[in-house]
Amino acid sequence: MININTSRSSFCLLQGIKWVKQRYAENLITVRLGSKGYLDRIEHAVMSGDVVLIENIEESIDPVLDPLLGRNLIKKGRYIKMGDKEVEYNKAFKLILQTKVSYVLISNGRTTSVNAKY
C-alpha cells in the first residue's frame, strides 16, 4: 500500500483490497472506471461523505477525476468541480484507488509517477 499525502490531497493506492473492504464495509462504494454510472456514484459519495474504492486502475486515470484527486475545492471550500457539475464536498469523503499494475500515472496539473513494485 502506498499512502499519498500532500497538502492538497490524501488518498491510497493499493495493490490489494481485502482489508479495505472489511474496514469500510458499511459505507464503501466500489466502482470501476468506465462502468455505467460510475461518475454519478462518485459524485453522490462526495456529497454524502462515503468511502469510494475505484478498482482496477490502469496506467492512467480519467482526467475528469483530476479535481477530485487534487481536492481542488471551489466556493470557499464547499464544492468541487467534477466534469460540468459543481458537487458539494463533504469533508468525511475518502478516495481509495486499487490497481494490479506496478506503475500508475496520476495527473494533477502535473504528472506524478508512482512505482509500487517491490
PDB file of N, CA and C in Angstrom:
ATOM      1  N   MET A   1       0.845  -1.173   0.000  1.00  0.00           N
ATOM      2  CA  MET A   1       0.000   0.000   0.000  1.00  0.00           C
ATOM      3  C   MET A   1       0.887   1.231   0.000  1.00  0.00           C
ATOM      4  N   ILE A   2       0.495   2.214  -0.771  1.00  0.00           N
ATOM      5  CA  ILE A   2       1.200   3.488  -0.806  1.00  0.00           C
ATOM      6  C   ILE A   2       0.216   4.562  -0.386  1.00  0.00           C
ATOM      7  N   ASN A   3       0.533   5.300   0.658  1.00  0.00           N
ATOM      8  CA  ASN A   3      -0.278   6.449   1.052  1.00  0.00           C
ATOM      9  C   ASN A   3       0.302   7.676   0.395  1.00  0.00           C
ATOM     10  N   ILE A   4      -0.519   8.440  -0.261  1.00  0.00           N
ATOM     11  CA  ILE A   4      -0.083   9.665  -0.905  1.00  0.00           C
ATOM     12  C   ILE A   4      -0.736  10.812  -0.157  1.00  0.00           C
ATOM     13  N   ASN A   5       0.058  11.556   0.588  1.00  0.00           N
ATOM     14  CA  ASN A   5      -0.449  12.671   1.373  1.00  0.00           C
ATOM     15  C   ASN A   5       0.298  13.928   0.976  1.00  0.00           C
ATOM     16  N   THR A   6      -0.414  14.889   0.475  1.00  0.00           N
ATOM     17  CA  THR A   6       0.158  16.197   0.186  1.00  0.00           C
ATOM     18  C   THR A   6      -0.743  17.224   0.841  1.00  0.00           C
ATOM     19  N   SER A   7      -0.357  18.456   0.767  1.00  0.00           N
ATOM     20  CA  SER A   7      -1.197  19.495   1.369  1.00  0.00           C
ATOM     21  C   SER A   7      -2.532  19.622   0.635  1.00  0.00           C
ATOM     22  N   ARG A   8      -2.604  19.138  -0.593  1.00  0.00           N
ATOM     23  CA  ARG A   8      -3.828  19.293  -1.376  1.00  0.00           C
ATOM     24  C   ARG A   8      -4.655  18.022  -1.474  1.00  0.00           C
ATOM     25  N   SER A   9      -4.038  16.850  -1.266  1.00  0.00           N
ATOM     26  CA  SER A   9      -4.814  15.634  -1.423  1.00  0.00           C
ATOM     27  C   SER A   9      -4.297  14.529  -0.522  1.00  0.00           C
ATOM     28  N   SER A  10      -5.163  13.575  -0.273  1.00  0.00           N
ATOM     29  CA  SER A  10      -4.807  12.416   0.511  1.00  0.00           C
ATOM     30  C   SER A  10      -5.602  11.238  -0.032  1.00  0.00           C
ATOM     31  N   PHE A  11      -4.922  10.248  -0.532  1.00  0.00           N
ATOM     32  CA  PHE A  11      -5.586   9.056  -0.997  1.00  0.00           C
ATOM     33  C   PHE A  11      -4.622   7.892  -0.933  1.00  0.00           C
ATOM     34  N   CYS A  12      -5.137   6.695  -1.077  1.00  0.00           N
ATOM     35  CA  CYS A  12      -4.311   5.488  -1.015  1.00  0.00           C
ATOM     36  C   CYS A  12      -4.305   4.826  -2.374  1.00  0.00           C
ATOM     37  N   LEU A  13      -3.188   4.252  -2.711  1.00  0.00           N
ATOM     38  CA  LEU A  13      -3.052   3.453  -3.919  1.00  0.00           C
ATOM     39  C   LEU A  13      -2.694   2.057  -3.453  1.00  0.00           C
ATOM     40  N   LEU A  14      -3.558   1.095  -3.723  1.00  0.00           N
ATOM     41  CA  LEU A  14      -3.394  -0.248  -3.197  1.00  0.00           C
ATOM     42  C   LEU A  14      -3.205  -1.271  -4.296  1.00  0.00           C
ATOM     43  N   GLN A  15      -2.494  -2.335  -3.946  1.00  0.00           N
ATOM     44  CA  GLN A  15      -2.434  -3.476  -4.831  1.00  0.00           C
ATOM     45  C   GLN A  15      -3.260  -4.640  -4.275  1.00  0.00           C
ATOM     46  N   GLY A  16      -3.853  -4.484  -3.129  1.00  0.00           N
ATOM     47  CA  GLY A  16      -4.741  -5.472  -2.532  1.00  0.00           C
ATOM     48  C   GLY A  16      -5.907  -4.760  -1.876  1.00  0.00           C
ATOM     49  N   ILE A  17      -7.113  -5.373  -1.859  1.00  0.00           N
ATOM     50  CA  ILE A  17      -8.281  -4.647  -1.384  1.00  0.00           C
ATOM     51  C   ILE A  17      -9.054  -5.345  -0.275  1.00  0.00           C
ATOM     52  N   LYS A  18      -8.639  -6.524   0.138  1.00  0.00           N
ATOM     53  CA  LYS A  18      -9.400  -7.271   1.135  1.00  0.00           C
ATOM     54  C   LYS A  18      -9.562  -6.478   2.439  1.00  0.00           C
ATOM     55  N   TRP A  19      -8.477  -5.896   2.935  1.00  0.00           N
ATOM     56  CA  TRP A  19      -8.531  -5.144   4.179  1.00  0.00           C
ATOM     57  C   TRP A  19      -9.469  -3.942   4.056  1.00  0.00           C
ATOM     58  N   VAL A  20      -9.404  -3.235   2.934  1.00  0.00           N
ATOM     59  CA  VAL A  20     -10.244  -2.057   2.728  1.00  0.00           C
ATOM     60  C   VAL A  20     -11.715  -2.443   2.753  1.00  0.00           C
ATOM     61  N   LYS A  21     -12.062  -3.517   2.092  1.00  0.00           N
ATOM     62  CA  LYS A  21     -13.464  -3.943   2.041  1.00  0.00           C
ATOM     63  C   LYS A  21     -13.979  -4.336   3.423  1.00  0.00           C
ATOM     64  N   GLN A  22     -13.098  -4.899   4.261  1.00  0.00           N
ATOM     65  CA  GLN A  22     -13.514  -5.227   5.627  1.00  0.00           C
ATOM     66  C   GLN A  22     -13.601  -3.968   6.483  1.00  0.00           C
ATOM     67  N   ARG A  23     -12.634  -3.086   6.358  1.00  0.00           N
ATOM     68  CA  ARG A  23     -12.535  -1.884   7.192  1.00  0.00           C
ATOM     69  C   ARG A  23     -13.695  -0.917   6.948  1.00  0.00           C
ATOM     70  N   TYR A  24     -14.062  -0.718   5.694  1.00  0.00           N
ATOM     71  CA  TYR A  24     -15.084   0.268   5.338  1.00  0.00           C
ATOM     72  C   TYR A  24     -16.367  -0.371   4.819  1.00  0.00           C
ATOM     73  N   ALA A  25     -16.654  -1.574   5.220  1.00  0.00           N
ATOM     74  CA  ALA A  25     -17.777  -2.344   4.665  1.00  0.00           C
ATOM     75  C   ALA A  25     -19.102  -1.590   4.690  1.00  0.00           C
ATOM     76  N   GLU A  26     -19.373  -0.840   5.753  1.00  0.00           N
ATOM     77  CA  GLU A  26     -20.684  -0.209   5.903  1.00  0.00           C
ATOM     78  C   GLU A  26     -20.941   0.919   4.907  1.00  0.00           C
ATOM     79  N   ASN A  27     -19.939   1.749   4.642  1.00  0.00           N
ATOM     80  CA  ASN A  27     -20.175   2.890   3.751  1.00  0.00           C
ATOM     81  C   ASN A  27     -19.209   2.912   2.571  1.00  0.00           C
ATOM     82  N   LEU A  28     -18.843   1.729   2.087  1.00  0.00           N
ATOM     83  CA  LEU A  28     -17.925   1.618   0.950  1.00  0.00           C
ATOM     84  C   LEU A  28     -18.701   1.528  -0.354  1.00  0.00           C
ATOM     85  N   ILE A  29     -18.335   2.383  -1.285  1.00  0.00           N
ATOM     86  CA  ILE A  29     -18.903   2.350  -2.628  1.00  0.00           C
ATOM     87  C   ILE A  29     -17.780   1.926  -3.568  1.00  0.00           C
ATOM     88  N   THR A  30     -17.958   0.815  -4.254  1.00  0.00           N
ATOM     89  CA  THR A  30     -16.938   0.268  -5.141  1.00  0.00           C
ATOM     90  C   THR A  30     -17.336   0.538  -6.580  1.00  0.00           C
ATOM     91  N   VAL A  31     -16.417   1.136  -7.340  1.00  0.00           N
ATOM     92  CA  VAL A  31     -16.683   1.425  -8.751  1.00  0.00           C
ATOM     93  C   VAL A  31     -15.475   1.032  -9.591  1.00  0.00           C
ATOM     94  N   ARG A  32     -15.715   0.893 -10.862  1.00  0.00           N
ATOM     95  CA  ARG A  32     -14.651   0.694 -11.846  1.00  0.00           C
ATOM     96  C   ARG A  32     -14.780   1.803 -12.874  1.00  0.00           C
ATOM     97  N   LEU A  33     -13.651   2.403 -13.226  1.00  0.00           N
ATOM     98  CA  LEU A  33     -13.679   3.480 -14.216  1.00  0.00           C
ATOM     99  C   LEU A  33     -14.263   2.960 -15.519  1.00  0.00           C
ATOM    100  N   GLY A  34     -15.136   3.744 -16.095  1.00  0.00           N
ATOM    101  CA  GLY A  34     -15.740   3.378 -17.369  1.00  0.00           C
ATOM    102  C   GLY A  34     -17.023   2.579 -17.240  1.00  0.00           C
ATOM    103  N   SER A  35     -17.342   2.081 -16.047  1.00  0.00           N
ATOM    104  CA  SER A  35     -18.584   1.333 -15.897  1.00  0.00           C
ATOM    105  C   SER A  35     -19.768   2.306 -15.935  1.00  0.00           C
ATOM    106  N   LYS A  36     -20.937   1.784 -16.236  1.00  0.00           N
ATOM    107  CA  LYS A  36     -22.123   2.613 -16.388  1.00  0.00           C
ATOM    108  C   LYS A  36     -22.448   3.335 -15.082  1.00  0.00           C
ATOM    109  N   GLY A  37     -22.552   4.657 -15.133  1.00  0.00           N
ATOM    110  CA  GLY A  37     -22.949   5.457 -13.984  1.00  0.00           C
ATOM    111  C   GLY A  37     -21.879   5.646 -12.918  1.00  0.00           C
ATOM    112  N   TYR A  38     -20.620   5.322 -13.225  1.00  0.00           N
ATOM    113  CA  TYR A  38     -19.575   5.408 -12.195  1.00  0.00           C
ATOM    114  C   TYR A  38     -19.377   6.829 -11.690  1.00  0.00           C
ATOM    115  N   LEU A  39     -19.459   7.811 -12.568  1.00  0.00           N
ATOM    116  CA  LEU A  39     -19.238   9.194 -12.149  1.00  0.00           C
ATOM    117  C   LEU A  39     -20.375   9.681 -11.245  1.00  0.00           C
ATOM    118  N   ASP A  40     -21.609   9.279 -11.532  1.00  0.00           N
ATOM    119  CA  ASP A  40     -22.743   9.642 -10.675  1.00  0.00           C
ATOM    120  C   ASP A  40     -22.589   9.046  -9.277  1.00  0.00           C
ATOM    121  N   ARG A  41     -22.100   7.815  -9.206  1.00  0.00           N
ATOM    122  CA  ARG A  41     -21.901   7.165  -7.908  1.00  0.00           C
ATOM    123  C   ARG A  41     -20.806   7.870  -7.110  1.00  0.00           C
ATOM    124  N   ILE A  42     -19.745   8.305  -7.790  1.00  0.00           N
ATOM    125  CA  ILE A  42     -18.674   9.028  -7.107  1.00  0.00           C
ATOM    126  C   ILE A  42     -19.185  10.385  -6.625  1.00  0.00           C
ATOM    127  N   GLU A  43     -19.938  11.086  -7.463  1.00  0.00           N
ATOM    128  CA  GLU A  43     -20.496  12.382  -7.073  1.00  0.00           C
ATOM    129  C   GLU A  43     -21.375  12.255  -5.836  1.00  0.00           C
ATOM    130  N   HIS A  44     -22.213  11.236  -5.784  1.00  0.00           N
ATOM    131  CA  HIS A  44     -23.077  11.025  -4.621  1.00  0.00           C
ATOM    132  C   HIS A  44     -22.238  10.756  -3.369  1.00  0.00           C
ATOM    133  N   ALA A  45     -21.177   9.974  -3.503  1.00  0.00           N
ATOM    134  CA  ALA A  45     -20.308   9.673  -2.365  1.00  0.00           C
ATOM    135  C   ALA A  45     -19.591  10.924  -1.869  1.00  0.00           C
ATOM    136  N   VAL A  46     -19.182  11.798  -2.783  1.00  0.00           N
ATOM    137  CA  VAL A  46     -18.527  13.052  -2.404  1.00  0.00           C
ATOM    138  C   VAL A  46     -19.485  13.896  -1.566  1.00  0.00           C
ATOM    139  N   MET A  47     -20.739  13.941  -1.947  1.00  0.00           N
ATOM    140  CA  MET A  47     -21.728  14.739  -1.224  1.00  0.00           C
ATOM    141  C   MET A  47     -22.087  14.128   0.133  1.00  0.00           C
ATOM    142  N   SER A  48     -22.151  12.800   0.203  1.00  0.00           N
ATOM    143  CA  SER A  48     -22.597  12.154   1.435  1.00  0.00           C
ATOM    144  C   SER A  48     -21.455  11.771   2.373  1.00  0.00           C
ATOM    145  N   GLY A  49     -20.200  11.927   1.937  1.00  0.00           N
ATOM    146  CA  GLY A  49     -19.063  11.629   2.804  1.00  0.00           C
ATOM    147  C   GLY A  49     -18.740  10.155   2.908  1.00  0.00           C
ATOM    148  N   ASP A  50     -19.074   9.384   1.899  1.00  0.00           N
ATOM    149  CA  ASP A  50     -18.778   7.953   1.894  1.00  0.00           C
ATOM    150  C   ASP A  50     -17.337   7.695   1.470  1.00  0.00           C
ATOM    151  N   VAL A  51     -16.953   6.433   1.501  1.00  0.00           N
ATOM    152  CA  VAL A  51     -15.636   5.986   1.050  1.00  0.00           C
ATOM    153  C   VAL A  51     -15.812   5.369  -0.333  1.00  0.00           C
ATOM    154  N   VAL A  52     -15.011   5.819  -1.300  1.00  0.00           N
ATOM    155  CA  VAL A  52     -15.079   5.272  -2.653  1.00  0.00           C
ATOM    156  C   VAL A  52     -13.816   4.472  -2.920  1.00  0.00           C
ATOM    157  N   LEU A  53     -13.999   3.254  -3.373  1.00  0.00           N
ATOM    158  CA  LEU A  53     -12.907   2.397  -3.821  1.00  0.00           C
ATOM    159  C   LEU A  53     -13.023   2.282  -5.336  1.00  0.00           C
ATOM    160  N   ILE A  54     -12.038   2.804  -6.045  1.00  0.00           N
ATOM    161  CA  ILE A  54     -12.013   2.656  -7.504  1.00  0.00           C
ATOM    162  C   ILE A  54     -11.085   1.487  -7.793  1.00  0.00           C
ATOM    163  N   GLU A  55     -11.666   0.416  -8.334  1.00  0.00           N
ATOM    164  CA  GLU A  55     -10.921  -0.822  -8.572  1.00  0.00           C
ATOM    165  C   GLU A  55     -10.283  -0.844  -9.955  1.00  0.00           C
ATOM    166  N   ASN A  56      -9.219  -1.610 -10.042  1.00  0.00           N
ATOM    167  CA  ASN A  56      -8.541  -1.932 -11.304  1.00  0.00           C
ATOM    168  C   ASN A  56      -8.136  -0.703 -12.108  1.00  0.00           C
ATOM    169  N   ILE A  57      -7.504   0.253 -11.444  1.00  0.00           N
ATOM    170  CA  ILE A  57      -6.954   1.411 -12.141  1.00  0.00           C
ATOM    171  C   ILE A  57      -5.882   0.911 -13.103  1.00  0.00           C
ATOM    172  N   GLU A  58      -5.911   1.402 -14.312  1.00  0.00           N
ATOM    173  CA  GLU A  58      -4.896   1.029 -15.294  1.00  0.00           C
ATOM    174  C   GLU A  58      -3.715   1.994 -15.202  1.00  0.00           C
ATOM    175  N   GLU A  59      -2.982   2.173 -16.280  1.00  0.00           N
ATOM    176  CA  GLU A  59      -1.782   3.022 -16.268  1.00  0.00           C
ATOM    177  C   GLU A  59      -2.092   4.502 -16.109  1.00  0.00           C
ATOM    178  N   SER A  60      -3.302   4.924 -16.442  1.00  0.00           N
ATOM    179  CA  SER A  60      -3.675   6.326 -16.281  1.00  0.00           C
ATOM    180  C   SER A  60      -5.107   6.409 -15.764  1.00  0.00           C
ATOM    181  N   ILE A  61      -5.448   7.587 -15.241  1.00  0.00           N
ATOM    182  CA  ILE A  61      -6.755   7.797 -14.620  1.00  0.00           C
ATOM    183  C   ILE A  61      -7.532   8.827 -15.425  1.00  0.00           C
ATOM    184  N   ASP A  62      -8.826   8.637 -15.522  1.00  0.00           N
ATOM    185  CA  ASP A  62      -9.704   9.541 -16.256  1.00  0.00           C
ATOM    186  C   ASP A  62      -9.489  10.988 -15.799  1.00  0.00           C
ATOM    187  N   PRO A  63      -9.179  11.898 -16.728  1.00  0.00           N
ATOM    188  CA  PRO A  63      -8.919  13.303 -16.366  1.00  0.00           C
ATOM    189  C   PRO A  63     -10.081  14.001 -15.664  1.00  0.00           C
ATOM    190  N   VAL A  64     -11.310  13.498 -15.819  1.00  0.00           N
ATOM    191  CA  VAL A  64     -12.443  14.119 -15.141  1.00  0.00           C
ATOM    192  C   VAL A  64     -12.297  14.008 -13.619  1.00  0.00           C
ATOM    193  N   LEU A  65     -11.458  13.075 -13.151  1.00  0.00           N
ATOM    194  CA  LEU A  65     -11.247  12.897 -11.714  1.00  0.00           C
ATOM    195  C   LEU A  65     -10.108  13.752 -11.165  1.00  0.00           C
ATOM    196  N   ASP A  66      -9.383  14.466 -12.024  1.00  0.00           N
ATOM    197  CA  ASP A  66      -8.257  15.302 -11.567  1.00  0.00           C
ATOM    198  C   ASP A  66      -8.628  16.264 -10.440  1.00  0.00           C
ATOM    199  N   PRO A  67      -9.734  17.009 -10.536  1.00  0.00           N
ATOM    200  CA  PRO A  67     -10.074  17.915  -9.435  1.00  0.00           C
ATOM    201  C   PRO A  67     -10.313  17.172  -8.115  1.00  0.00           C
ATOM    202  N   LEU A  68     -10.831  15.951  -8.203  1.00  0.00           N
ATOM    203  CA  LEU A  68     -11.066  15.156  -7.007  1.00  0.00           C
ATOM    204  C   LEU A  68      -9.747  14.663  -6.415  1.00  0.00           C
ATOM    205  N   LEU A  69      -8.849  14.195  -7.272  1.00  0.00           N
ATOM    206  CA  LEU A  69      -7.548  13.726  -6.792  1.00  0.00           C
ATOM    207  C   LEU A  69      -6.741  14.857  -6.169  1.00  0.00           C
ATOM    208  N   GLY A  70      -6.851  16.041  -6.732  1.00  0.00           N
ATOM    209  CA  GLY A  70      -6.130  17.192  -6.202  1.00  0.00           C
ATOM    210  C   GLY A  70      -6.902  17.951  -5.141  1.00  0.00           C
ATOM    211  N   ARG A  71      -8.110  17.508  -4.873  1.00  0.00           N
ATOM    212  CA  ARG A  71      -9.023  18.179  -3.939  1.00  0.00           C
ATOM    213  C   ARG A  71      -9.063  19.675  -4.222  1.00  0.00           C
ATOM    214  N   ASN A  72      -9.353  20.002  -5.466  1.00  0.00           N
ATOM    215  CA  ASN A  72      -9.423  21.395  -5.913  1.00  0.00           C
ATOM    216  C   ASN A  72     -10.799  21.954  -5.565  1.00  0.00           C
ATOM    217  N   LEU A  73     -10.943  22.401  -4.334  1.00  0.00           N
ATOM    218  CA  LEU A  73     -12.223  22.902  -3.853  1.00  0.00           C
ATOM    219  C   LEU A  73     -12.455  24.326  -4.321  1.00  0.00           C
ATOM    220  N   ILE A  74     -13.721  24.648  -4.569  1.00  0.00           N
ATOM    221  CA  ILE A  74     -14.113  25.983  -5.006  1.00  0.00           C
ATOM    222  C   ILE A  74     -15.205  26.504  -4.075  1.00  0.00           C
ATOM    223  N   LYS A  75     -15.562  27.756  -4.246  1.00  0.00           N
ATOM    224  CA  LYS A  75     -16.614  28.398  -3.458  1.00  0.00           C
ATOM    225  C   LYS A  75     -16.376  28.204  -1.962  1.00  0.00           C
ATOM    226  N   LYS A  76     -15.245  28.746  -1.506  1.00  0.00           N
ATOM    227  CA  LYS A  76     -14.871  28.713  -0.081  1.00  0.00           C
ATOM    228  C   LYS A  76     -14.741  27.298   0.450  1.00  0.00           C
ATOM    229  N   GLY A  77     -14.258  26.375  -0.390  1.00  0.00           N
ATOM    230  CA  GLY A  77     -14.005  25.016   0.053  1.00  0.00           C
ATOM    231  C   GLY A  77     -15.220  24.153   0.264  1.00  0.00           C
ATOM    232  N   ARG A  78     -16.331  24.558  -0.293  1.00  0.00           N
ATOM    233  CA  ARG A  78     -17.567  23.800  -0.088  1.00  0.00           C
ATOM    234  C   ARG A  78     -17.957  22.930  -1.283  1.00  0.00           C
ATOM    235  N   TYR A  79     -17.384  23.181  -2.442  1.00  0.00           N
ATOM    236  CA  TYR A  79     -17.753  22.453  -3.649  1.00  0.00           C
ATOM    237  C   TYR A  79     -16.501  22.006  -4.398  1.00  0.00           C
ATOM    238  N   ILE A  80     -16.694  21.005  -5.255  1.00  0.00           N
ATOM    239  CA  ILE A  80     -15.627  20.540  -6.131  1.00  0.00           C
ATOM    240  C   ILE A  80     -16.233  20.371  -7.523  1.00  0.00           C
ATOM    241  N   LYS A  81     -15.481  20.724  -8.533  1.00  0.00           N
ATOM    242  CA  LYS A  81     -15.964  20.624  -9.917  1.00  0.00           C
ATOM    243  C   LYS A  81     -15.628  19.235 -10.447  1.00  0.00           C
ATOM    244  N   MET A  82     -16.664  18.526 -10.877  1.00  0.00           N
ATOM    245  CA  MET A  82     -16.488  17.196 -11.461  1.00  0.00           C
ATOM    246  C   MET A  82     -17.189  17.186 -12.811  1.00  0.00           C
ATOM    247  N   GLY A  83     -16.396  17.178 -13.868  1.00  0.00           N
ATOM    248  CA  GLY A  83     -16.981  17.288 -15.203  1.00  0.00           C
ATOM    249  C   GLY A  83     -17.567  18.669 -15.363  1.00  0.00           C
ATOM    250  N   ASP A  84     -18.843  18.738 -15.711  1.00  0.00           N
ATOM    251  CA  ASP A  84     -19.500  20.036 -15.869  1.00  0.00           C
ATOM    252  C   ASP A  84     -20.360  20.409 -14.661  1.00  0.00           C
ATOM    253  N   LYS A  85     -20.266  19.636 -13.576  1.00  0.00           N
ATOM    254  CA  LYS A  85     -21.078  19.881 -12.381  1.00  0.00           C
ATOM    255  C   LYS A  85     -20.219  20.408 -11.229  1.00  0.00           C
ATOM    256  N   GLU A  86     -20.853  21.182 -10.358  1.00  0.00           N
ATOM    257  CA  GLU A  86     -20.243  21.571  -9.091  1.00  0.00           C
ATOM    258  C   GLU A  86     -20.935  20.752  -8.015  1.00  0.00           C
ATOM    259  N   VAL A  87     -20.155  19.921  -7.317  1.00  0.00           N
ATOM    260  CA  VAL A  87     -20.686  18.977  -6.348  1.00  0.00           C
ATOM    261  C   VAL A  87     -20.290  19.431  -4.947  1.00  0.00           C
ATOM    262  N   GLU A  88     -21.250  19.440  -4.023  1.00  0.00           N
ATOM    263  CA  GLU A  88     -20.940  19.802  -2.639  1.00  0.00           C
ATOM    264  C   GLU A  88     -19.985  18.762  -2.058  1.00  0.00           C
ATOM    265  N   TYR A  89     -18.912  19.246  -1.407  1.00  0.00           N
ATOM    266  CA  TYR A  89     -17.857  18.372  -0.901  1.00  0.00           C
ATOM    267  C   TYR A  89     -18.021  18.146   0.600  1.00  0.00           C
ATOM    268  N   ASN A  90     -18.184  16.893   0.993  1.00  0.00           N
ATOM    269  CA  ASN A  90     -18.263  16.505   2.397  1.00  0.00           C
ATOM    270  C   ASN A  90     -16.858  16.133   2.858  1.00  0.00           C
ATOM    271  N   LYS A  91     -16.380  16.745   3.928  1.00  0.00           N
ATOM    272  CA  LYS A  91     -15.010  16.529   4.390  1.00  0.00           C
ATOM    273  C   LYS A  91     -14.747  15.109   4.860  1.00  0.00           C
ATOM    274  N   ALA A  92     -15.782  14.326   5.093  1.00  0.00           N
ATOM    275  CA  ALA A  92     -15.607  12.932   5.503  1.00  0.00           C
ATOM    276  C   ALA A  92     -15.313  12.012   4.315  1.00  0.00           C
ATOM    277  N   PHE A  93     -15.441  12.516   3.099  1.00  0.00           N
ATOM    278  CA  PHE A  93     -15.216  11.713   1.895  1.00  0.00           C
ATOM    279  C   PHE A  93     -13.785  11.179   1.849  1.00  0.00           C
ATOM    280  N   LYS A  94     -13.646   9.908   1.453  1.00  0.00           N
ATOM    281  CA  LYS A  94     -12.334   9.284   1.277  1.00  0.00           C
ATOM    282  C   LYS A  94     -12.301   8.591  -0.073  1.00  0.00           C
ATOM    283  N   LEU A  95     -11.136   8.643  -0.718  1.00  0.00           N
ATOM    284  CA  LEU A  95     -10.947   8.014  -2.017  1.00  0.00           C
ATOM    285  C   LEU A  95      -9.816   7.006  -1.915  1.00  0.00           C
ATOM    286  N   ILE A  96     -10.083   5.783  -2.349  1.00  0.00           N
ATOM    287  CA  ILE A  96      -9.074   4.725  -2.352  1.00  0.00           C
ATOM    288  C   ILE A  96      -8.996   4.183  -3.771  1.00  0.00           C
ATOM    289  N   LEU A  97      -7.786   4.122  -4.296  1.00  0.00           N
ATOM    290  CA  LEU A  97      -7.545   3.603  -5.640  1.00  0.00           C
ATOM    291  C   LEU A  97      -6.864   2.241  -5.530  1.00  0.00           C
ATOM    292  N   GLN A  98      -7.327   1.276  -6.308  1.00  0.00           N
ATOM    293  CA  GLN A  98      -6.743  -0.059  -6.301  1.00  0.00           C
ATOM    294  C   GLN A  98      -6.275  -0.400  -7.697  1.00  0.00           C
ATOM    295  N   THR A  99      -5.080  -0.975  -7.783  1.00  0.00           N
ATOM    296  CA  THR A  99      -4.531  -1.345  -9.077  1.00  0.00           C
ATOM    297  C   THR A  99      -3.839  -2.693  -8.990  1.00  0.00           C
ATOM    298  N   LYS A 100      -3.705  -3.329 -10.135  1.00  0.00           N
ATOM    299  CA  LYS A 100      -2.934  -4.563 -10.231  1.00  0.00           C
ATOM    300  C   LYS A 100      -1.630  -4.331 -10.979  1.00  0.00           C
ATOM    301  N   VAL A 101      -1.478  -3.129 -11.528  1.00  0.00           N
ATOM    302  CA  VAL A 101      -0.253  -2.799 -12.242  1.00  0.00           C
ATOM    303  C   VAL A 101       0.729  -2.142 -11.281  1.00  0.00           C
ATOM    304  N   SER A 102       1.998  -2.153 -11.647  1.00  0.00           N
ATOM    305  CA  SER A 102       3.009  -1.624 -10.739  1.00  0.00           C
ATOM    306  C   SER A 102       3.371  -0.172 -11.023  1.00  0.00           C
ATOM    307  N   TYR A 103       2.795   0.423 -12.051  1.00  0.00           N
ATOM    308  CA  TYR A 103       3.158   1.791 -12.418  1.00  0.00           C
ATOM    309  C   TYR A 103       1.910   2.535 -12.851  1.00  0.00           C
ATOM    310  N   VAL A 104       1.565   3.591 -12.136  1.00  0.00           N
ATOM    311  CA  VAL A 104       0.354   4.357 -12.429  1.00  0.00           C
ATOM    312  C   VAL A 104       0.716   5.827 -12.548  1.00  0.00           C
ATOM    313  N   LEU A 105       0.158   6.500 -13.538  1.00  0.00           N
ATOM    314  CA  LEU A 105       0.360   7.940 -13.694  1.00  0.00           C
ATOM    315  C   LEU A 105      -0.861   8.668 -13.178  1.00  0.00           C
ATOM    316  N   ILE A 106      -0.643   9.623 -12.298  1.00  0.00           N
ATOM    317  CA  ILE A 106      -1.721  10.430 -11.747  1.00  0.00           C
ATOM    318  C   ILE A 106      -1.431  11.870 -12.102  1.00  0.00           C
ATOM    319  N   SER A 107      -2.376  12.515 -12.760  1.00  0.00           N
ATOM    320  CA  SER A 107      -2.168  13.878 -13.221  1.00  0.00           C
ATOM    321  C   SER A 107      -2.983  14.855 -12.400  1.00  0.00           C
ATOM    322  N   ASN A 108      -2.322  15.815 -11.764  1.00  0.00           N
ATOM    323  CA  ASN A 108      -2.979  16.890 -11.027  1.00  0.00           C
ATOM    324  C   ASN A 108      -2.383  18.212 -11.475  1.00  0.00           C
ATOM    325  N   GLY A 109      -2.491  18.529 -12.732  1.00  0.00           N
ATOM    326  CA  GLY A 109      -1.844  19.722 -13.226  1.00  0.00           C
ATOM    327  C   GLY A 109      -0.384  19.439 -13.544  1.00  0.00           C
ATOM    328  N   ARG A 110       0.099  18.330 -13.112  1.00  0.00           N
ATOM    329  CA  ARG A 110       1.423  17.834 -13.426  1.00  0.00           C
ATOM    330  C   ARG A 110       1.319  16.312 -13.374  1.00  0.00           C
ATOM    331  N   THR A 111       2.304  15.618 -13.846  1.00  0.00           N
ATOM    332  CA  THR A 111       2.269  14.151 -13.814  1.00  0.00           C
ATOM    333  C   THR A 111       3.135  13.657 -12.697  1.00  0.00           C
ATOM    334  N   THR A 112       2.576  12.799 -11.882  1.00  0.00           N
ATOM    335  CA  THR A 112       3.312  12.191 -10.785  1.00  0.00           C
ATOM    336  C   THR A 112       3.385  10.706 -11.049  1.00  0.00           C
ATOM    337  N   SER A 113       4.562  10.140 -10.961  1.00  0.00           N
ATOM    338  CA  SER A 113       4.740   8.716 -11.167  1.00  0.00           C
ATOM    339  C   SER A 113       4.789   8.010  -9.826  1.00  0.00           C
ATOM    340  N   VAL A 114       4.074   6.908  -9.732  1.00  0.00           N
ATOM    341  CA  VAL A 114       4.097   6.091  -8.535  1.00  0.00           C
ATOM    342  C   VAL A 114       4.521   4.696  -8.971  1.00  0.00           C
ATOM    343  N   ASN A 115       5.666   4.241  -8.460  1.00  0.00           N
ATOM    344  CA  ASN A 115       6.136   2.906  -8.773  1.00  0.00           C
ATOM    345  C   ASN A 115       5.954   2.062  -7.524  1.00  0.00           C
ATOM    346  N   ALA A 116       4.973   1.181  -7.559  1.00  0.00           N
ATOM    347  CA  ALA A 116       4.641   0.386  -6.372  1.00  0.00           C
ATOM    348  C   ALA A 116       5.275  -1.000  -6.408  1.00  0.00           C
ATOM    349  N   LYS A 117       6.163  -1.249  -7.333  1.00  0.00           N
ATOM    350  CA  LYS A 117       6.782  -2.557  -7.453  1.00  0.00           C
ATOM    351  C   LYS A 117       7.816  -2.745  -6.359  1.00  0.00           C
ATOM    352  N   TYR A 118       7.759  -3.874  -5.677  1.00  0.00           N
ATOM    353  CA  TYR A 118       8.701  -4.148  -4.588  1.00  0.00           C
ATOM    354  C   TYR A 118       9.605  -5.284  -4.940  1.00  0.00           C
TER     355      TYR A 118
END
